[in-house]
Amino acid sequence: MRPSTRIPSILAGLALVLGGAVVAAPSAHADVKACEQYVAQHAPKATDGAGEACYQGYIGNLTSCNASLVAVGASKDAAQSACEASR
């Protein structure tokens, strides 16, 4: 294969690999946003700490998510439901 025909092949392969990585990447903010929206609707006084708490729920640390939301003023039920929404 001549060098002039290799370059387009290499570029095409690279584009396919990078495109696949973008498609496979999770949409992290969608689940965190759902949790934050739940907090805003059901425990508006707890919105200040909701972002970090919801992220903890998103990565699987539901105990920390629940405890953080309760600490900033959410009820236990609202915190549990919001953290479940982050998953």
Protein backbone atom coordinates (compact mmCIF):
# COMPACT_ATOMS: atom_id res chain seq x y z
CA MET A 1 0.00 0.00 0.00
CA ARG A 2 1.37 3.39 -0.93
CA PRO A 3 1.77 6.04 1.79
CA SER A 4 -0.81 8.24 0.08
CA THR A 5 -3.50 5.57 0.49
CA ARG A 6 -2.53 4.73 4.08
CA ILE A 7 -3.20 8.19 5.46
CA PRO A 8 -6.93 8.27 4.62
CA SER A 9 -7.29 4.73 5.98
CA ILE A 10 -5.58 5.67 9.22
CA LEU A 11 -7.66 8.82 9.58
CA ALA A 12 -10.87 6.91 8.91
CA GLY A 13 -9.96 4.32 11.54
CA LEU A 14 -9.09 7.01 14.04
CA ALA A 15 -12.40 8.78 13.42
CA LEU A 16 -14.29 5.53 14.01
CA VAL A 17 -12.45 4.86 17.26
CA LEU A 18 -12.95 8.38 18.61
CA GLY A 19 -16.58 8.45 17.50
CA GLY A 20 -17.23 5.19 19.33
CA ALA A 21 -15.70 6.59 22.52
CA VAL A 22 -18.03 9.57 22.40
CA VAL A 23 -21.08 7.36 21.88
CA ALA A 24 -20.05 5.03 24.72
CA ALA A 25 -19.46 7.84 27.23
CA PRO A 26 -22.23 8.10 29.84
CA SER A 27 -24.32 11.21 30.21
CA ALA A 28 -23.41 12.01 33.80
CA HIS A 29 -25.36 15.21 34.18
CA ALA A 30 -28.71 13.79 33.14
CA ASP A 31 -29.05 11.65 36.26
CA VAL A 32 -27.61 14.26 38.58
CA LYS A 33 -30.02 16.82 37.09
CA ALA A 34 -32.98 14.51 37.75
CA CYS A 35 -31.94 14.27 41.39
CA GLU A 36 -31.46 18.04 41.70
CA GLN A 37 -34.85 18.67 40.11
CA TYR A 38 -36.49 16.26 42.55
CA VAL A 39 -34.87 18.11 45.45
CA ALA A 40 -35.98 21.48 44.06
CA GLN A 41 -39.58 20.26 43.82
CA HIS A 42 -39.86 18.32 47.08
CA ALA A 43 -37.29 19.90 49.41
CA PRO A 44 -36.56 23.44 48.20
CA LYS A 45 -34.65 24.38 51.35
CA ALA A 46 -32.09 21.64 50.57
CA THR A 47 -31.08 22.88 47.12
CA ASP A 48 -27.78 24.40 48.30
CA GLY A 49 -26.16 21.03 48.94
CA ALA A 50 -28.04 19.04 46.32
CA GLY A 51 -25.40 19.08 43.58
CA GLU A 52 -22.68 17.28 45.51
CA ALA A 53 -25.15 14.97 47.25
CA CYS A 54 -26.72 13.98 43.94
CA TYR A 55 -23.30 13.30 42.45
CA GLN A 56 -22.57 10.96 45.36
CA GLY A 57 -25.77 9.11 44.54
CA TYR A 58 -24.84 9.00 40.86
CA ILE A 59 -21.53 7.27 41.57
CA GLY A 60 -23.31 4.73 43.78
CA ASN A 61 -22.79 6.16 47.26
CA LEU A 62 -26.45 6.36 48.23
CA THR A 63 -25.67 6.48 51.95
CA SER A 64 -23.64 9.67 51.53
CA CYS A 65 -26.25 11.12 49.19
CA ASN A 66 -29.06 10.51 51.68
CA ALA A 67 -27.08 11.78 54.66
CA SER A 68 -25.98 14.93 52.82
CA LEU A 69 -29.49 15.83 51.72
CA VAL A 70 -30.95 15.22 55.18
CA ALA A 71 -28.16 17.35 56.68
CA VAL A 72 -29.13 20.33 54.49
CA GLY A 73 -32.83 20.06 55.33
CA ALA A 74 -34.51 17.42 53.14
CA SER A 75 -36.80 14.86 54.72
CA LYS A 76 -35.59 11.27 54.76
CA ASP A 77 -38.21 10.26 52.19
CA ALA A 78 -37.37 13.13 49.84
CA ALA A 79 -33.65 12.45 50.18
CA GLN A 80 -34.08 8.76 49.44
CA SER A 81 -36.24 9.40 46.39
CA ALA A 82 -33.88 12.07 45.06
CA CYS A 83 -30.86 9.82 45.50
CA GLU A 84 -32.67 7.00 43.70
CA ALA A 85 -33.34 9.42 40.83
CA SER A 86 -29.61 10.02 40.52
CA ARG A 87 -28.91 6.40 39.64
